[in-house]
Amino acid sequence: MIVRKAIPKDFEAVREIDREFFVWACKINPWLDPDYVKVRHGPDFRKSFFDRKEVFFVAEDDGKIVGYSEGIIENLPSPFKNKKVGVLESLYIIKEYRSQGLGERLSREVLKWLKSRGIKEYKLTVHHANATAYRLYKKMGFKDYFWSLRM
């Protein structure tokens, strides 16, 4: 199993895995619009995939893309000390490849990429129903920062 930076020929495979991720996310998050998948996987996703301020890494097993991570550099408003923050935007592993350490490997590659661009702070969002991902991020050193409540 290898983890590497995504290349243009990985686009369709990553888009398919991201589509699976979004369908799964809609099941645990009632505020997500399942129809957004049509927008997300059109020109917006292509732009994200090829944007220099974003990066995708893939996990590959014998030529098959089985997971991906996405990182972005986000500009922050004036009150913040650091004007840029690295965001672990997405992470998804297809079901049969979970619990093999790929999530951590993919996440760490994004963090290394962000650090190589001078980013010193990192953030992510994880849904409260995704306890597995939450435990992974805590293990990696992420700390609870803020609670977001909805009604």
Protein backbone atom coordinates (compact mmCIF):
# COMPACT_ATOMS: atom_id res chain seq x y z
CA MET A 1 0.00 0.00 0.00
CA ILE A 2 1.46 3.35 -0.98
CA VAL A 3 0.46 6.88 -0.04
CA ARG A 4 1.45 9.57 -2.51
CA LYS A 5 0.49 12.99 -3.79
CA ALA A 6 -2.37 12.74 -6.27
CA ILE A 7 -1.60 13.29 -9.94
CA PRO A 8 -3.99 14.39 -12.73
CA LYS A 9 -4.80 10.82 -13.80
CA ASP A 10 -6.15 10.17 -10.24
CA PHE A 11 -8.89 12.78 -10.65
CA GLU A 12 -11.77 10.47 -11.61
CA ALA A 13 -10.95 7.89 -8.92
CA VAL A 14 -10.69 10.56 -6.23
CA ARG A 15 -13.93 12.15 -7.39
CA GLU A 16 -15.71 8.77 -7.13
CA ILE A 17 -14.39 8.21 -3.60
CA ASP A 18 -15.38 11.74 -2.64
CA ARG A 19 -18.86 11.07 -4.01
CA GLU A 20 -19.07 7.98 -1.76
CA PHE A 21 -17.85 10.12 1.15
CA PHE A 22 -20.55 12.73 0.55
CA VAL A 23 -23.31 10.14 0.35
CA TRP A 24 -22.06 8.68 3.67
CA ALA A 25 -21.86 12.16 5.22
CA CYS A 26 -25.48 12.86 4.24
CA LYS A 27 -26.52 9.82 6.29
CA ILE A 28 -25.01 11.22 9.51
CA ASN A 29 -25.63 14.92 8.90
CA PRO A 30 -29.27 15.90 8.32
CA TRP A 31 -28.28 19.42 7.28
CA LEU A 32 -26.43 18.25 4.18
CA ASP A 33 -28.32 18.40 0.89
CA PRO A 34 -27.90 15.10 -1.00
CA ASP A 35 -28.45 16.97 -4.29
CA TYR A 36 -25.29 19.01 -3.64
CA VAL A 37 -23.28 15.98 -4.77
CA LYS A 38 -24.11 17.02 -8.34
CA VAL A 39 -22.57 20.47 -7.77
CA ARG A 40 -19.64 19.26 -5.66
CA HIS A 41 -18.52 16.87 -8.33
CA GLY A 42 -18.78 19.26 -11.24
CA PRO A 43 -16.48 22.19 -11.99
CA ASP A 44 -15.99 23.01 -8.27
CA PHE A 45 -14.32 19.69 -7.51
CA ARG A 46 -12.15 19.87 -10.64
CA LYS A 47 -11.03 23.38 -9.60
CA SER A 48 -10.20 22.16 -6.08
CA PHE A 49 -8.28 19.16 -7.37
CA PHE A 50 -6.04 21.24 -9.62
CA ASP A 51 -5.71 24.36 -7.39
CA ARG A 52 -2.19 25.13 -6.17
CA LYS A 53 -3.51 26.18 -2.74
CA GLU A 54 -5.00 22.73 -2.25
CA VAL A 55 -3.47 19.30 -2.23
CA PHE A 56 -4.79 15.77 -2.51
CA PHE A 57 -2.99 12.63 -1.40
CA VAL A 58 -4.13 9.14 -2.31
CA ALA A 59 -3.73 5.67 -0.86
CA GLU A 60 -3.14 3.18 -3.65
CA ASP A 61 -3.30 -0.61 -3.49
CA ASP A 62 -1.98 -2.37 -6.56
CA GLY A 63 -3.06 0.48 -8.85
CA LYS A 64 -6.44 1.03 -7.19
CA ILE A 65 -7.11 4.32 -5.36
CA VAL A 66 -8.68 3.31 -2.02
CA GLY A 67 -8.68 6.58 -0.11
CA TYR A 68 -7.71 10.22 -0.24
CA SER A 69 -7.01 13.26 1.90
CA GLU A 70 -7.41 16.91 0.95
CA GLY A 71 -5.65 19.91 2.46
CA ILE A 72 -6.09 23.60 1.83
CA ILE A 73 -4.49 26.85 2.91
CA GLU A 74 -7.07 29.24 4.31
CA ASN A 75 -6.57 32.98 4.81
CA LEU A 76 -7.71 34.29 8.18
CA PRO A 77 -9.10 37.72 9.04
CA SER A 78 -7.12 40.40 10.90
CA PRO A 79 -7.66 39.44 14.56
CA PHE A 80 -5.75 36.17 14.20
CA LYS A 81 -2.00 36.02 14.91
CA ASN A 82 -1.27 33.74 11.98
CA LYS A 83 -2.84 34.99 8.78
CA LYS A 84 -2.99 31.52 7.23
CA VAL A 85 -4.11 28.20 8.60
CA GLY A 86 -3.83 24.73 7.15
CA VAL A 87 -7.07 22.81 6.87
CA LEU A 88 -7.38 19.05 6.68
CA GLU A 89 -10.47 19.42 4.54
CA SER A 90 -11.37 15.84 3.67
CA LEU A 91 -10.29 12.32 4.50
CA TYR A 92 -12.02 9.17 3.33
CA ILE A 93 -11.02 5.54 3.02
CA ILE A 94 -13.25 3.03 1.26
CA LYS A 95 -14.77 0.58 3.73
CA GLU A 96 -12.70 -2.53 3.06
CA TYR A 97 -9.44 -0.63 3.59
CA ARG A 98 -10.25 1.00 6.93
CA SER A 99 -8.46 0.23 10.21
CA GLN A 100 -5.09 -0.21 8.48
CA GLY A 101 -3.54 3.12 9.43
CA LEU A 102 -4.27 4.79 6.09
CA GLY A 103 -6.23 7.66 7.64
CA GLU A 104 -3.26 8.69 9.73
CA ARG A 105 -0.80 8.27 6.87
CA LEU A 106 -2.94 10.35 4.51
CA SER A 107 -3.53 13.03 7.17
CA ARG A 108 0.18 13.29 8.00
CA GLU A 109 1.03 13.79 4.32
CA VAL A 110 -1.35 16.75 4.17
CA LEU A 111 0.19 18.20 7.35
CA LYS A 112 3.72 17.80 5.93
CA TRP A 113 2.65 19.56 2.73
CA LEU A 114 1.10 22.43 4.70
CA LYS A 115 4.19 22.73 6.92
CA SER A 116 6.44 22.86 3.83
CA ARG A 117 4.48 25.97 2.81
CA GLY A 118 5.15 27.74 6.09
CA ILE A 119 1.83 26.90 7.74
CA LYS A 120 2.12 26.59 11.53
CA GLU A 121 -1.48 26.07 12.60
CA TYR A 122 -3.83 23.33 11.44
CA LYS A 123 -7.53 22.72 11.84
CA LEU A 124 -10.23 20.32 10.80
CA THR A 125 -13.88 19.61 11.42
CA VAL A 126 -15.22 16.21 12.34
CA HIS A 127 -18.88 15.32 12.80
CA HIS A 128 -19.76 14.22 16.34
CA ALA A 129 -21.11 10.92 14.98
CA ASN A 130 -17.71 10.07 13.49
CA ALA A 131 -16.04 8.86 16.69
CA THR A 132 -13.40 6.85 14.81
CA ALA A 133 -12.09 9.94 13.01
CA TYR A 134 -12.29 11.99 16.21
CA ARG A 135 -10.11 9.46 18.06
CA LEU A 136 -7.61 9.46 15.18
CA TYR A 137 -7.27 13.24 15.20
CA LYS A 138 -6.91 13.35 19.00
CA LYS A 139 -4.19 10.67 18.75
CA MET A 140 -2.42 12.82 16.16
CA GLY A 141 -2.36 15.79 18.56
CA PHE A 142 -5.40 17.82 17.52
CA LYS A 143 -7.17 19.42 20.45
CA ASP A 144 -10.80 20.35 20.95
CA TYR A 145 -11.05 23.98 19.91
CA PHE A 146 -14.65 24.92 19.57
CA TRP A 147 -18.12 23.50 19.71
CA SER A 148 -20.64 24.16 17.02
CA LEU A 149 -24.26 23.66 18.03
CA ARG A 150 -27.35 23.53 15.83
CA MET A 151 -31.09 23.55 16.40
